[in-house]
Amino acid sequence: QVYKGLDIITNKVSPQEQRLCRHHMISFVDPLVSNYTVVDFRDKAVPLISYIFARDKIPIVVGGTNYYIESLLWKVLISTKEKASTAPRPVNDRKVELEQLDGVELHRRLSQVDPEMAAKLHPHDKRKVARSLQVFEETGIPHSEILHQQQEEEGGGPLGGPLKYPHSCILWLHADQAALDQRLEKRVDDMLAAGLLEELRDFHRRYNQEKVAENRQDYQHGIFQSIGFKEFHEYLVSEGNCSPETSALLLQKGIQALKQVTKRYARRQNKWVRNRFLRRPGPNVPPVYGLEVSDVLQWEEDVLKPALEIVESFIQGREPPAEPVKMEYDVNENKRSHHVCELCDRVIIGDREWAGRIR
């Protein structure tokens, strides 16, 4: 009954869930495509959302990666070159090409064409520096100028443009850290029991073995950077070429690495929600409702029932019975201020980071 009539846009779903309601955007990108970006995701998801609304249904966006959800909530992304096709293709990407350059050289180039953006980005943050250079090269307009234009639109704010969908709400499932860590470790064990190693071996044979042999494997872009693959690199490349004892040790090393990186990623996700959704200044932030999931035996009472009440309230245009989560934030804090620690000869970006350095 919960799923009846819903349309889900997600990248994480079980076969059982797929049978209960219609899901979108699953298994549609070729694994060898390395230039599929958040812009591609947004450009495919937004028309789907419009299509779902046109059928008098409510789109439910499930994550996953909160940065991708942000791209649907706010007008914050910049499209550069027009795509000839809506399907991503395994072609060279200018941003990836730029990332091959030395970080200092990248930052120097950005300083010449967009000094304001260069001052906000750390020279070691090659991805963001390369992205800003790509924006300038492909639009002819400095990245900082485009961001200012977005922020100055009606409904915009310090961190981006206006909300795309004014009547959105966010349901944040969070848990006690110890309970979450335990659950994540069990999830890895369950994945292994369900055939993770066979899937990894097959994927390695089909897509990565040749790259490794030619020393051109890339664990920084595309599917290969995903959690759950690169952690088993040593095990996969040595399997069959070393003793069973060594192979067993490498397997355990991969399993422990997967558990650690999964728990680390969960912490980053929670930090992202707090910093980007709860401490985001300005009026253009959807309400965030926290749902406690530490005790799965209390799922019906702690999660399902309040979630349905919140969503029903939004549908009916009345105030939900639950209060949204509130967090204090400093409206004057500059997360992109530029500082140089002369004692350490290091660049520090952000007021909070600089205050920590001074302490």
Protein backbone atom coordinates (compact mmCIF):
# COMPACT_ATOMS: atom_id res chain seq x y z
CA GLN A 1 0.00 0.00 0.00
CA VAL A 2 2.89 2.37 0.71
CA TYR A 3 4.22 1.99 -2.82
CA LYS A 4 0.84 2.08 -4.60
CA GLY A 5 0.70 4.88 -7.18
CA LEU A 6 4.22 6.16 -6.57
CA ASP A 7 6.98 6.79 -9.09
CA ILE A 8 10.49 6.35 -7.71
CA ILE A 9 13.62 7.98 -9.19
CA THR A 10 16.56 6.17 -7.65
CA ASN A 11 19.82 4.33 -8.19
CA LYS A 12 19.36 1.91 -5.29
CA VAL A 13 16.55 -0.61 -5.38
CA SER A 14 15.87 -4.29 -4.88
CA PRO A 15 14.02 -6.49 -7.41
CA GLN A 16 11.22 -6.90 -4.86
CA GLU A 17 10.74 -3.11 -4.67
CA GLN A 18 10.75 -2.81 -8.46
CA ARG A 19 7.79 -5.18 -8.64
CA LEU A 20 5.77 -3.05 -6.21
CA CYS A 21 5.91 0.27 -8.04
CA ARG A 22 7.39 1.92 -11.08
CA HIS A 23 11.09 2.87 -10.84
CA HIS A 24 13.14 5.03 -13.19
CA MET A 25 16.81 5.54 -14.08
CA ILE A 26 18.14 2.09 -13.21
CA SER A 27 20.73 0.22 -15.35
CA PHE A 28 20.72 2.70 -18.22
CA VAL A 29 24.38 3.85 -18.40
CA ASP A 30 27.03 1.64 -19.99
CA PRO A 31 29.73 0.77 -17.41
CA LEU A 32 32.49 2.00 -19.74
CA VAL A 33 31.03 5.52 -19.89
CA SER A 34 33.31 7.60 -17.68
CA ASN A 35 31.94 11.07 -18.46
CA TYR A 36 28.43 10.65 -17.05
CA THR A 37 28.01 13.62 -14.70
CA VAL A 38 25.50 15.15 -12.33
CA VAL A 39 24.44 17.41 -15.22
CA ASP A 40 23.56 14.33 -17.29
CA PHE A 41 21.61 12.97 -14.32
CA ARG A 42 19.69 16.23 -13.89
CA ASP A 43 18.93 16.53 -17.61
CA LYS A 44 17.38 13.05 -17.61
CA ALA A 45 15.62 13.26 -14.24
CA VAL A 46 13.92 16.67 -14.64
CA PRO A 47 11.83 15.65 -17.70
CA LEU A 48 10.88 12.46 -15.83
CA ILE A 49 9.69 14.53 -12.88
CA SER A 50 7.57 16.67 -15.24
CA TYR A 51 6.16 13.49 -16.83
CA ILE A 52 5.24 12.08 -13.41
CA PHE A 53 3.56 15.33 -12.35
CA ALA A 54 1.63 15.38 -15.64
CA ARG A 55 0.15 12.00 -14.67
CA ASP A 56 -1.05 13.48 -11.33
CA LYS A 57 1.44 11.41 -9.40
CA ILE A 58 4.14 12.37 -6.93
CA PRO A 59 7.81 11.74 -7.78
CA ILE A 60 9.88 10.34 -4.92
CA VAL A 61 13.62 10.95 -5.35
CA VAL A 62 15.70 8.45 -3.37
CA GLY A 63 19.40 8.72 -2.55
CA GLY A 64 22.12 7.89 -2.41
CA THR A 65 24.26 10.74 -3.43
CA ASN A 66 22.96 13.99 -1.92
CA TYR A 67 24.84 16.12 -4.46
CA TYR A 68 22.67 14.59 -7.17
CA ILE A 69 19.51 15.31 -5.16
CA GLU A 70 20.66 18.94 -4.81
CA SER A 71 20.79 19.21 -8.60
CA LEU A 72 17.05 18.50 -8.71
CA LEU A 73 16.09 20.77 -5.80
CA TRP A 74 17.98 23.94 -6.74
CA LYS A 75 19.06 25.69 -9.88
CA VAL A 76 22.75 25.24 -9.17
CA LEU A 77 24.33 23.45 -12.12
CA ILE A 78 25.74 24.88 -15.32
CA SER A 79 25.29 23.19 -18.67
CA THR A 80 28.10 23.78 -21.12
CA LYS A 81 28.17 22.05 -24.51
CA GLU A 82 24.87 20.90 -25.97
CA LYS A 83 24.67 17.14 -26.19
CA ALA A 84 24.00 15.71 -29.64
CA SER A 85 22.28 12.75 -27.98
CA THR A 86 20.59 12.26 -24.64
CA ALA A 87 22.56 9.05 -24.11
CA PRO A 88 26.03 9.40 -22.55
CA ARG A 89 28.84 8.21 -24.79
CA PRO A 90 32.36 6.93 -24.00
CA VAL A 91 34.10 10.00 -25.41
CA ASN A 92 36.87 12.21 -24.09
CA ASP A 93 35.67 14.73 -21.52
CA ARG A 94 37.38 18.10 -21.28
CA LYS A 95 37.22 18.12 -17.48
CA VAL A 96 38.94 14.72 -17.33
CA GLU A 97 41.60 15.99 -19.73
CA LEU A 98 42.22 19.04 -17.56
CA GLU A 99 42.53 16.89 -14.43
CA GLN A 100 45.59 15.24 -15.98
CA LEU A 101 47.48 18.53 -15.61
CA ASP A 102 49.48 19.54 -12.54
CA GLY A 103 47.31 21.14 -9.83
CA VAL A 104 49.46 24.26 -9.62
CA GLU A 105 49.27 24.77 -13.38
CA LEU A 106 45.49 24.26 -13.33
CA HIS A 107 45.05 26.83 -10.59
CA ARG A 108 47.34 29.29 -12.40
CA ARG A 109 45.22 29.00 -15.55
CA LEU A 110 42.02 29.56 -13.58
CA SER A 111 43.55 32.60 -11.86
CA GLN A 112 44.12 34.17 -15.26
CA VAL A 113 40.54 33.78 -16.53
CA ASP A 114 38.51 33.78 -13.30
CA PRO A 115 40.50 35.16 -10.34
CA GLU A 116 37.40 35.30 -8.11
CA MET A 117 36.72 31.57 -8.47
CA ALA A 118 40.42 30.73 -8.16
CA ALA A 119 40.52 32.54 -4.80
CA LYS A 120 37.64 30.36 -3.54
CA LEU A 121 39.12 27.01 -4.58
CA HIS A 122 42.05 25.20 -3.02
CA PRO A 123 44.88 24.54 -5.52
CA HIS A 124 44.76 20.84 -4.57
CA ASP A 125 41.05 20.55 -5.41
CA LYS A 126 41.75 19.55 -9.01
CA ARG A 127 38.21 18.43 -9.79
CA LYS A 128 36.59 21.75 -8.92
CA VAL A 129 39.39 23.80 -10.48
CA ALA A 130 39.13 21.73 -13.67
CA ARG A 131 35.34 22.13 -13.68
CA SER A 132 35.61 25.94 -13.43
CA LEU A 133 38.12 25.99 -16.28
CA GLN A 134 35.84 23.75 -18.34
CA VAL A 135 32.90 26.12 -17.76
CA PHE A 136 34.94 29.09 -18.97
CA GLU A 137 36.35 27.26 -21.99
CA GLU A 138 32.96 25.97 -23.15
CA THR A 139 30.81 29.03 -22.39
CA GLY A 140 33.27 31.94 -22.63
CA ILE A 141 31.89 33.24 -19.32
CA PRO A 142 33.74 33.02 -15.97
CA HIS A 143 32.25 30.41 -13.67
CA SER A 144 31.91 32.96 -10.84
CA GLU A 145 29.85 35.29 -13.05
CA ILE A 146 27.36 32.53 -13.92
CA LEU A 147 27.00 31.63 -10.23
CA HIS A 148 26.30 35.29 -9.38
CA GLN A 149 23.58 35.35 -12.02
CA GLN A 150 21.93 32.28 -10.47
CA GLN A 151 22.10 33.69 -6.94
CA GLU A 152 20.54 37.00 -8.05
CA GLU A 153 17.48 35.33 -9.59
CA GLU A 154 14.24 35.65 -7.67
CA GLY A 155 14.28 33.06 -4.89
CA GLY A 156 18.06 32.64 -5.11
CA GLY A 157 20.41 32.81 -2.15
CA PRO A 158 24.06 32.79 -1.07
CA LEU A 159 24.59 29.15 -2.03
CA GLY A 160 22.79 29.02 -5.36
CA GLY A 161 19.75 29.70 -7.48
CA PRO A 162 16.06 29.31 -6.61
CA LEU A 163 14.24 26.11 -5.77
CA LYS A 164 12.94 24.27 -8.81
CA TYR A 165 9.98 22.79 -6.93
CA PRO A 166 8.71 25.11 -4.15
CA HIS A 167 6.60 22.43 -2.43
CA SER A 168 9.33 19.87 -1.80
CA CYS A 169 10.10 18.20 1.50
CA ILE A 170 13.05 16.08 2.57
CA LEU A 171 12.76 12.94 4.70
CA TRP A 172 16.12 12.28 6.38
CA LEU A 173 16.56 8.76 7.74
CA HIS A 174 19.27 8.84 10.40
CA ALA A 175 20.49 6.45 13.06
CA ASP A 176 22.67 6.26 16.12
CA GLN A 177 26.27 5.95 14.88
CA ALA A 178 27.00 2.67 16.68
CA ALA A 179 23.79 1.08 15.35
CA LEU A 180 24.51 2.40 11.86
CA ASP A 181 28.08 1.07 11.86
CA GLN A 182 26.87 -2.37 12.96
CA ARG A 183 24.18 -2.39 10.27
CA LEU A 184 26.64 -1.35 7.56
CA GLU A 185 29.08 -4.11 8.51
CA LYS A 186 26.26 -6.65 8.34
CA ARG A 187 25.24 -5.22 4.97
CA VAL A 188 28.71 -5.96 3.57
CA ASP A 189 28.51 -9.52 4.95
CA ASP A 190 25.08 -9.92 3.35
CA MET A 191 26.42 -8.64 0.01
CA LEU A 192 29.21 -11.21 0.12
CA ALA A 193 26.73 -13.98 0.95
CA ALA A 194 24.54 -12.85 -1.97
CA GLY A 195 27.39 -13.24 -4.51
CA LEU A 196 29.42 -10.01 -4.44
CA LEU A 197 32.72 -11.77 -5.22
CA GLU A 198 31.32 -13.50 -8.31
CA GLU A 199 29.95 -10.19 -9.54
CA LEU A 200 33.31 -8.48 -8.93
CA ARG A 201 35.23 -11.21 -10.76
CA ASP A 202 32.88 -11.01 -13.74
CA PHE A 203 33.10 -7.22 -13.85
CA HIS A 204 36.88 -7.34 -13.57
CA ARG A 205 37.17 -9.83 -16.44
CA ARG A 206 34.80 -7.92 -18.71
CA TYR A 207 35.85 -4.33 -18.06
CA ASN A 208 39.05 -3.91 -16.07
CA GLN A 209 41.48 -6.80 -16.65
CA GLU A 210 42.75 -5.41 -19.94
CA LYS A 211 43.13 -1.92 -18.45
CA VAL A 212 45.20 -3.30 -15.57
CA ALA A 213 47.44 -5.26 -17.97
CA GLU A 214 48.12 -2.05 -19.91
CA ASN A 215 48.55 -0.02 -16.69
CA ARG A 216 45.74 2.39 -17.61
CA GLN A 217 43.16 1.53 -14.97
CA ASP A 218 41.38 4.59 -13.55
CA TYR A 219 39.72 4.45 -10.15
CA GLN A 220 38.91 8.19 -10.13
CA HIS A 221 36.16 8.34 -12.77
CA GLY A 222 33.03 6.51 -13.79
CA ILE A 223 31.87 3.21 -12.36
CA PHE A 224 35.41 2.22 -11.31
CA GLN A 225 35.43 4.78 -8.50
CA SER A 226 32.35 3.20 -6.92
CA ILE A 227 32.60 1.83 -3.40
CA GLY A 228 32.92 -1.95 -3.53
CA PHE A 229 35.19 -2.44 -6.55
CA LYS A 230 38.54 -0.72 -6.13
CA GLU A 231 38.82 -2.05 -2.55
CA PHE A 232 39.31 -5.54 -4.04
CA HIS A 233 41.89 -4.50 -6.67
CA GLU A 234 44.80 -6.41 -5.13
CA TYR A 235 42.68 -9.53 -4.60
CA LEU A 236 41.30 -9.53 -8.16
CA VAL A 237 44.60 -8.92 -9.97
CA SER A 238 46.49 -11.53 -7.91
CA GLU A 239 43.82 -14.25 -7.84
CA GLY A 240 45.25 -17.39 -9.40
CA ASN A 241 48.78 -15.93 -9.35
CA CYS A 242 49.55 -16.31 -5.66
CA SER A 243 49.22 -18.88 -2.88
CA PRO A 244 45.77 -19.61 -1.41
CA GLU A 245 46.97 -18.16 1.90
CA THR A 246 47.99 -14.87 0.29
CA SER A 247 44.75 -14.73 -1.67
CA ALA A 248 42.74 -15.28 1.52
CA LEU A 249 44.63 -12.46 3.25
CA LEU A 250 44.01 -10.09 0.33
CA LEU A 251 40.34 -11.02 0.36
CA GLN A 252 40.03 -10.18 4.05
CA LYS A 253 41.91 -6.94 3.45
CA GLY A 254 39.39 -6.03 0.74
CA ILE A 255 36.42 -6.89 2.96
CA GLN A 256 37.72 -4.77 5.84
CA ALA A 257 38.49 -1.89 3.45
CA LEU A 258 34.95 -2.09 2.07
CA LYS A 259 33.45 -1.97 5.56
CA GLN A 260 35.62 0.99 6.55
CA VAL A 261 34.97 3.05 3.43
CA THR A 262 31.22 2.33 3.62
CA LYS A 263 31.05 3.61 7.20
CA ARG A 264 33.16 6.64 6.26
CA TYR A 265 30.84 7.41 3.35
CA ALA A 266 27.77 7.21 5.62
CA ARG A 267 29.39 9.77 7.95
CA ARG A 268 30.05 12.06 4.99
CA GLN A 269 26.43 11.74 3.87
CA ASN A 270 25.17 12.82 7.30
CA LYS A 271 27.67 15.68 7.40
CA TRP A 272 26.44 16.78 3.95
CA VAL A 273 22.81 16.86 5.14
CA ARG A 274 23.75 18.94 8.17
CA ASN A 275 25.97 21.40 6.31
CA ARG A 276 24.13 21.70 2.98
CA PHE A 277 20.47 21.26 3.96
CA LEU A 278 20.21 22.18 7.65
CA ARG A 279 22.81 24.97 7.86
CA ARG A 280 22.06 26.40 4.43
CA PRO A 281 21.31 30.13 4.74
CA GLY A 282 18.35 31.76 3.02
CA PRO A 283 14.63 31.02 2.63
CA ASN A 284 14.92 28.67 -0.35
CA VAL A 285 15.46 25.47 1.64
CA PRO A 286 12.82 22.72 1.81
CA PRO A 287 11.91 21.53 5.32
CA VAL A 288 13.92 18.52 6.48
CA TYR A 289 12.10 15.98 8.65
CA GLY A 290 14.29 13.61 10.65
CA LEU A 291 13.19 9.98 11.01
CA GLU A 292 15.03 7.84 13.58
CA VAL A 293 15.93 4.39 12.21
CA SER A 294 18.26 3.07 14.90
CA ASP A 295 15.83 0.32 15.93
CA VAL A 296 14.46 -1.47 12.85
CA LEU A 297 11.91 -3.25 15.04
CA GLN A 298 10.32 0.18 15.51
CA TRP A 299 10.18 0.87 11.75
CA GLU A 300 6.38 1.12 11.52
CA GLU A 301 6.08 3.46 14.50
CA ASP A 302 9.26 5.59 14.13
CA VAL A 303 9.56 5.83 10.34
CA LEU A 304 6.64 4.65 8.23
CA LYS A 305 3.75 6.20 10.17
CA PRO A 306 5.28 9.69 10.65
CA ALA A 307 6.60 9.72 7.04
CA LEU A 308 3.12 9.01 5.66
CA GLU A 309 1.61 11.70 7.91
CA ILE A 310 4.16 14.26 6.69
CA VAL A 311 3.62 13.45 3.02
CA GLU A 312 -0.18 13.41 3.38
CA SER A 313 -0.02 16.84 5.05
CA PHE A 314 1.96 18.25 2.13
CA ILE A 315 -0.50 16.76 -0.38
CA GLN A 316 -3.44 18.29 1.49
CA GLY A 317 -1.76 21.68 1.92
CA ARG A 318 -1.65 21.69 5.74
CA GLU A 319 1.12 21.84 8.32
CA PRO A 320 2.60 18.41 9.14
CA PRO A 321 2.29 17.22 12.75
CA ALA A 322 6.07 16.81 12.97
CA GLU A 323 8.51 19.71 13.34
CA PRO A 324 11.31 19.99 10.75
CA VAL A 325 14.90 19.68 11.98
CA LYS A 326 16.54 23.03 12.77
CA MET A 327 20.23 23.77 13.17
CA GLU A 328 22.05 26.97 14.01
CA TYR A 329 24.10 28.59 11.27
CA ASP A 330 26.19 31.71 10.97
CA VAL A 331 24.82 33.90 8.17
CA ASN A 332 28.18 35.70 7.99
CA GLU A 333 30.30 32.57 7.65
CA ASN A 334 32.19 32.43 4.36
CA LYS A 335 32.87 28.85 3.33
CA ARG A 336 35.04 29.97 0.41
CA SER A 337 37.24 32.63 2.05
CA HIS A 338 40.94 32.37 1.11
CA HIS A 339 43.67 32.30 3.76
CA VAL A 340 47.38 31.49 3.70
CA CYS A 341 49.14 30.03 6.74
CA GLU A 342 52.62 31.50 6.37
CA LEU A 343 54.10 29.25 9.06
CA CYS A 344 53.06 26.12 7.18
CA ASP A 345 52.99 27.62 3.67
CA ARG A 346 49.50 26.18 3.19
CA VAL A 347 46.32 27.54 1.64
CA ILE A 348 43.24 27.29 3.87
CA ILE A 349 39.74 27.72 2.39
CA GLY A 350 36.77 28.68 4.59
CA ASP A 351 36.24 30.69 7.79
CA ARG A 352 35.62 27.60 9.94
CA GLU A 353 38.71 25.79 8.67
CA TRP A 354 40.81 28.93 9.23
CA ALA A 355 39.52 29.35 12.79
CA GLY A 356 40.45 25.73 13.46
CA ARG A 357 43.93 26.32 12.04
CA ILE A 358 44.40 29.40 14.26
CA ARG A 359 43.37 27.42 17.36
